[in-house]
Amino acid sequence: MHKIVYSPQAIIDLDEAIAHIYDNSSANARAYRVSYERKIELLRHNPEMGTECHNKQIDLNCRVLVFESHLIIYEIGVDDILIIRIFHQSKNYQKEFKK
């Protein structure tokens, strides 16, 4: 089982997503957080459950996990999974990874 590690930007991304949902409904924000944590727990046990990044037009050696309306970009290490970024699907996330 892998340890989950967040990049500083991924922490900001998650906080912003939850804050945005909270602006509309605190109950929905709590439900989102609980569902998110369940999905991440599944990821810990199944690190390859996301699709390869190139399938989402991201030019990195990483994977993408779809969660509700968000994309979780992550890398699999030997003992850990690094959550790189979390994007809303409506965002142009590909431009963030252009060289």
N, C-alpha and C. Protein backbone atom coordinates (compact mmCIF):
# COMPACT_ATOMS: atom_id res chain seq x y z
N MET A 1 0.84 -1.18 0.00
CA MET A 1 0.00 0.00 0.00
C MET A 1 0.89 1.24 0.00
N HIS A 2 0.55 2.19 -0.84
CA HIS A 2 1.33 3.41 -1.00
C HIS A 2 0.89 4.51 -0.03
N LYS A 3 1.83 5.36 0.29
CA LYS A 3 1.54 6.55 1.08
C LYS A 3 1.15 7.67 0.11
N ILE A 4 0.16 8.47 0.47
CA ILE A 4 -0.27 9.59 -0.37
C ILE A 4 0.45 10.85 0.08
N VAL A 5 1.08 11.54 -0.88
CA VAL A 5 1.81 12.78 -0.63
C VAL A 5 1.24 13.83 -1.59
N TYR A 6 1.07 15.05 -1.09
CA TYR A 6 0.54 16.14 -1.91
C TYR A 6 1.61 17.18 -2.20
N SER A 7 1.64 17.65 -3.44
CA SER A 7 2.48 18.81 -3.74
C SER A 7 1.82 20.02 -3.09
N PRO A 8 2.59 21.08 -2.82
CA PRO A 8 1.98 22.29 -2.25
C PRO A 8 0.83 22.81 -3.11
N GLN A 9 0.97 22.75 -4.45
CA GLN A 9 -0.09 23.24 -5.32
C GLN A 9 -1.33 22.35 -5.26
N ALA A 10 -1.17 21.06 -5.11
CA ALA A 10 -2.31 20.15 -5.02
C ALA A 10 -3.13 20.44 -3.75
N ILE A 11 -2.44 20.80 -2.67
CA ILE A 11 -3.14 21.16 -1.44
C ILE A 11 -4.00 22.39 -1.69
N ILE A 12 -3.43 23.37 -2.36
CA ILE A 12 -4.18 24.59 -2.70
C ILE A 12 -5.36 24.24 -3.60
N ASP A 13 -5.11 23.41 -4.61
CA ASP A 13 -6.17 23.01 -5.55
C ASP A 13 -7.34 22.37 -4.81
N LEU A 14 -7.05 21.44 -3.90
CA LEU A 14 -8.10 20.75 -3.16
C LEU A 14 -8.85 21.72 -2.26
N ASP A 15 -8.12 22.58 -1.57
CA ASP A 15 -8.77 23.57 -0.70
C ASP A 15 -9.69 24.49 -1.50
N GLU A 16 -9.23 24.91 -2.68
CA GLU A 16 -10.05 25.80 -3.52
C GLU A 16 -11.30 25.08 -4.03
N ALA A 17 -11.16 23.82 -4.40
CA ALA A 17 -12.32 23.06 -4.88
C ALA A 17 -13.37 22.94 -3.79
N ILE A 18 -12.92 22.59 -2.60
CA ILE A 18 -13.86 22.43 -1.48
C ILE A 18 -14.47 23.78 -1.11
N ALA A 19 -13.69 24.84 -1.12
CA ALA A 19 -14.21 26.18 -0.81
C ALA A 19 -15.27 26.60 -1.82
N HIS A 20 -15.03 26.29 -3.09
CA HIS A 20 -15.99 26.63 -4.14
C HIS A 20 -17.32 25.90 -3.90
N ILE A 21 -17.24 24.63 -3.58
CA ILE A 21 -18.45 23.85 -3.30
C ILE A 21 -19.12 24.37 -2.04
N TYR A 22 -18.33 24.72 -1.04
CA TYR A 22 -18.85 25.23 0.23
C TYR A 22 -19.65 26.52 0.04
N ASP A 23 -19.21 27.35 -0.91
CA ASP A 23 -19.93 28.60 -1.18
C ASP A 23 -21.38 28.34 -1.55
N ASN A 24 -21.66 27.19 -2.16
CA ASN A 24 -23.02 26.84 -2.54
C ASN A 24 -23.73 26.00 -1.48
N SER A 25 -22.97 25.15 -0.80
CA SER A 25 -23.58 24.26 0.19
C SER A 25 -22.50 23.63 1.08
N SER A 26 -22.60 23.91 2.37
CA SER A 26 -21.62 23.31 3.29
C SER A 26 -21.81 21.80 3.36
N ALA A 27 -23.04 21.33 3.26
CA ALA A 27 -23.30 19.88 3.30
C ALA A 27 -22.68 19.20 2.08
N ASN A 28 -22.80 19.83 0.91
CA ASN A 28 -22.19 19.26 -0.29
C ASN A 28 -20.67 19.25 -0.20
N ALA A 29 -20.11 20.28 0.42
CA ALA A 29 -18.66 20.34 0.58
C ALA A 29 -18.17 19.21 1.49
N ARG A 30 -18.90 18.96 2.56
CA ARG A 30 -18.53 17.85 3.45
C ARG A 30 -18.66 16.51 2.73
N ALA A 31 -19.74 16.33 1.99
CA ALA A 31 -19.95 15.09 1.24
C ALA A 31 -18.86 14.90 0.19
N TYR A 32 -18.47 15.99 -0.46
CA TYR A 32 -17.40 15.92 -1.46
C TYR A 32 -16.11 15.45 -0.79
N ARG A 33 -15.80 16.03 0.35
CA ARG A 33 -14.56 15.69 1.06
C ARG A 33 -14.53 14.21 1.45
N VAL A 34 -15.65 13.70 1.96
CA VAL A 34 -15.73 12.30 2.35
C VAL A 34 -15.56 11.40 1.13
N SER A 35 -16.25 11.72 0.04
CA SER A 35 -16.13 10.93 -1.19
C SER A 35 -14.71 10.99 -1.75
N TYR A 36 -14.11 12.18 -1.68
CA TYR A 36 -12.74 12.35 -2.16
C TYR A 36 -11.79 11.45 -1.35
N GLU A 37 -11.92 11.46 -0.05
CA GLU A 37 -11.05 10.64 0.80
C GLU A 37 -11.22 9.15 0.51
N ARG A 38 -12.45 8.73 0.22
CA ARG A 38 -12.67 7.32 -0.16
C ARG A 38 -11.96 6.99 -1.47
N LYS A 39 -12.05 7.90 -2.42
CA LYS A 39 -11.40 7.68 -3.72
C LYS A 39 -9.89 7.59 -3.55
N ILE A 40 -9.33 8.47 -2.73
CA ILE A 40 -7.89 8.45 -2.49
C ILE A 40 -7.47 7.17 -1.76
N GLU A 41 -8.30 6.68 -0.89
CA GLU A 41 -8.00 5.42 -0.21
C GLU A 41 -7.97 4.26 -1.23
N LEU A 42 -8.90 4.28 -2.19
CA LEU A 42 -8.87 3.28 -3.26
C LEU A 42 -7.58 3.40 -4.07
N LEU A 43 -7.18 4.64 -4.34
CA LEU A 43 -5.95 4.88 -5.09
C LEU A 43 -4.73 4.33 -4.35
N ARG A 44 -4.70 4.48 -3.04
CA ARG A 44 -3.58 3.95 -2.25
C ARG A 44 -3.39 2.46 -2.49
N HIS A 45 -4.50 1.74 -2.62
CA HIS A 45 -4.46 0.29 -2.80
C HIS A 45 -4.33 -0.12 -4.27
N ASN A 46 -4.70 0.79 -5.17
CA ASN A 46 -4.70 0.49 -6.61
C ASN A 46 -4.08 1.66 -7.37
N PRO A 47 -2.79 1.87 -7.26
CA PRO A 47 -2.18 3.08 -7.82
C PRO A 47 -2.31 3.24 -9.33
N GLU A 48 -2.54 2.16 -10.04
CA GLU A 48 -2.65 2.27 -11.50
C GLU A 48 -4.09 2.39 -11.98
N MET A 49 -5.01 2.72 -11.08
CA MET A 49 -6.41 2.80 -11.46
C MET A 49 -6.70 3.99 -12.37
N GLY A 50 -5.88 5.01 -12.34
CA GLY A 50 -6.07 6.15 -13.23
C GLY A 50 -5.51 5.85 -14.61
N THR A 51 -5.92 6.65 -15.58
CA THR A 51 -5.43 6.50 -16.94
C THR A 51 -4.08 7.19 -17.09
N GLU A 52 -3.30 6.77 -18.05
CA GLU A 52 -2.01 7.42 -18.30
C GLU A 52 -2.24 8.85 -18.78
N CYS A 53 -1.37 9.75 -18.38
CA CYS A 53 -1.54 11.17 -18.69
C CYS A 53 -1.63 11.46 -20.18
N HIS A 54 -0.89 10.73 -20.98
CA HIS A 54 -0.92 11.02 -22.42
C HIS A 54 -2.33 10.82 -22.98
N ASN A 55 -3.18 10.02 -22.33
CA ASN A 55 -4.56 9.86 -22.77
C ASN A 55 -5.39 11.12 -22.54
N LYS A 56 -4.90 12.02 -21.70
CA LYS A 56 -5.56 13.30 -21.44
C LYS A 56 -4.74 14.46 -22.00
N GLN A 57 -3.86 14.16 -22.95
CA GLN A 57 -3.01 15.14 -23.62
C GLN A 57 -2.10 15.91 -22.66
N ILE A 58 -1.56 15.19 -21.68
CA ILE A 58 -0.58 15.75 -20.76
C ILE A 58 0.74 15.04 -21.03
N ASP A 59 1.77 15.81 -21.32
CA ASP A 59 3.06 15.25 -21.71
C ASP A 59 3.95 15.06 -20.49
N LEU A 60 3.54 14.18 -19.60
CA LEU A 60 4.31 13.81 -18.41
C LEU A 60 4.13 12.32 -18.17
N ASN A 61 5.06 11.75 -17.44
CA ASN A 61 4.93 10.36 -17.03
C ASN A 61 4.13 10.34 -15.73
N CYS A 62 2.83 10.41 -15.86
CA CYS A 62 1.95 10.46 -14.70
C CYS A 62 0.64 9.77 -15.04
N ARG A 63 -0.30 9.84 -14.13
CA ARG A 63 -1.61 9.24 -14.33
C ARG A 63 -2.68 10.26 -13.94
N VAL A 64 -3.90 10.03 -14.45
CA VAL A 64 -5.03 10.92 -14.18
C VAL A 64 -6.17 10.07 -13.64
N LEU A 65 -6.68 10.50 -12.50
CA LEU A 65 -7.83 9.84 -11.88
C LEU A 65 -9.00 10.82 -11.93
N VAL A 66 -10.10 10.38 -12.51
CA VAL A 66 -11.29 11.23 -12.57
C VAL A 66 -12.06 11.04 -11.28
N PHE A 67 -12.38 12.17 -10.64
CA PHE A 67 -13.21 12.15 -9.43
C PHE A 67 -14.26 13.24 -9.57
N GLU A 68 -15.51 12.83 -9.69
CA GLU A 68 -16.62 13.75 -9.90
C GLU A 68 -16.27 14.69 -11.05
N SER A 69 -16.21 16.00 -10.81
CA SER A 69 -15.90 16.93 -11.90
C SER A 69 -14.43 17.35 -11.89
N HIS A 70 -13.59 16.62 -11.18
CA HIS A 70 -12.18 16.96 -11.06
C HIS A 70 -11.28 15.87 -11.62
N LEU A 71 -10.11 16.30 -12.03
CA LEU A 71 -9.06 15.39 -12.49
C LEU A 71 -7.92 15.47 -11.49
N ILE A 72 -7.51 14.34 -10.98
CA ILE A 72 -6.41 14.26 -10.03
C ILE A 72 -5.19 13.75 -10.81
N ILE A 73 -4.17 14.60 -10.91
CA ILE A 73 -2.95 14.26 -11.63
C ILE A 73 -1.94 13.75 -10.59
N TYR A 74 -1.39 12.55 -10.83
CA TYR A 74 -0.49 11.97 -9.83
C TYR A 74 0.61 11.15 -10.48
N GLU A 75 1.67 10.95 -9.71
CA GLU A 75 2.79 10.09 -10.09
C GLU A 75 2.91 8.97 -9.08
N ILE A 76 3.26 7.80 -9.56
CA ILE A 76 3.45 6.64 -8.70
C ILE A 76 4.94 6.48 -8.41
N GLY A 77 5.30 6.49 -7.14
CA GLY A 77 6.67 6.23 -6.73
C GLY A 77 6.79 4.81 -6.20
N VAL A 78 7.94 4.48 -5.67
CA VAL A 78 8.16 3.15 -5.12
C VAL A 78 7.24 2.89 -3.93
N ASP A 79 7.21 3.83 -3.00
CA ASP A 79 6.40 3.66 -1.79
C ASP A 79 5.30 4.69 -1.64
N ASP A 80 5.26 5.67 -2.56
CA ASP A 80 4.28 6.72 -2.40
C ASP A 80 3.61 7.09 -3.71
N ILE A 81 2.54 7.83 -3.59
CA ILE A 81 1.83 8.41 -4.72
C ILE A 81 1.83 9.91 -4.48
N LEU A 82 2.39 10.65 -5.44
CA LEU A 82 2.44 12.10 -5.34
C LEU A 82 1.27 12.69 -6.11
N ILE A 83 0.39 13.36 -5.40
CA ILE A 83 -0.70 14.11 -6.04
C ILE A 83 -0.07 15.41 -6.51
N ILE A 84 -0.01 15.60 -7.82
CA ILE A 84 0.65 16.77 -8.40
C ILE A 84 -0.30 17.96 -8.46
N ARG A 85 -1.47 17.75 -9.04
CA ARG A 85 -2.46 18.82 -9.21
C ARG A 85 -3.85 18.22 -9.18
N ILE A 86 -4.84 19.08 -8.91
CA ILE A 86 -6.25 18.71 -8.97
C ILE A 86 -6.94 19.82 -9.77
N PHE A 87 -7.54 19.45 -10.90
CA PHE A 87 -8.17 20.42 -11.79
C PHE A 87 -9.65 20.13 -11.96
N HIS A 88 -10.43 21.18 -12.07
CA HIS A 88 -11.81 21.01 -12.52
C HIS A 88 -11.74 20.66 -14.00
N GLN A 89 -12.60 19.78 -14.45
CA GLN A 89 -12.55 19.32 -15.84
C GLN A 89 -12.80 20.44 -16.84
N SER A 90 -13.43 21.53 -16.41
CA SER A 90 -13.70 22.64 -17.34
C SER A 90 -12.46 23.49 -17.60
N LYS A 91 -11.43 23.33 -16.80
CA LYS A 91 -10.20 24.11 -16.96
C LYS A 91 -9.34 23.55 -18.10
N ASN A 92 -8.54 24.41 -18.66
CA ASN A 92 -7.58 23.99 -19.69
C ASN A 92 -6.32 23.49 -18.97
N TYR A 93 -6.43 22.33 -18.38
CA TYR A 93 -5.35 21.78 -17.56
C TYR A 93 -4.13 21.40 -18.40
N GLN A 94 -4.32 21.10 -19.69
CA GLN A 94 -3.19 20.68 -20.53
C GLN A 94 -2.16 21.80 -20.63
N LYS A 95 -2.60 23.04 -20.67
CA LYS A 95 -1.64 24.15 -20.83
C LYS A 95 -0.72 24.28 -19.62
N GLU A 96 -1.13 23.78 -18.48
CA GLU A 96 -0.30 23.82 -17.28
C GLU A 96 0.93 22.93 -17.40
N PHE A 97 0.88 21.98 -18.32
CA PHE A 97 1.97 21.01 -18.45
C PHE A 97 2.73 21.16 -19.75
N LYS A 98 2.48 22.23 -20.49
CA LYS A 98 3.23 22.47 -21.72
C LYS A 98 4.63 22.91 -21.37
N LYS A 99 5.58 22.49 -22.18
CA LYS A 99 6.99 22.85 -21.92
C LYS A 99 7.34 24.13 -22.60
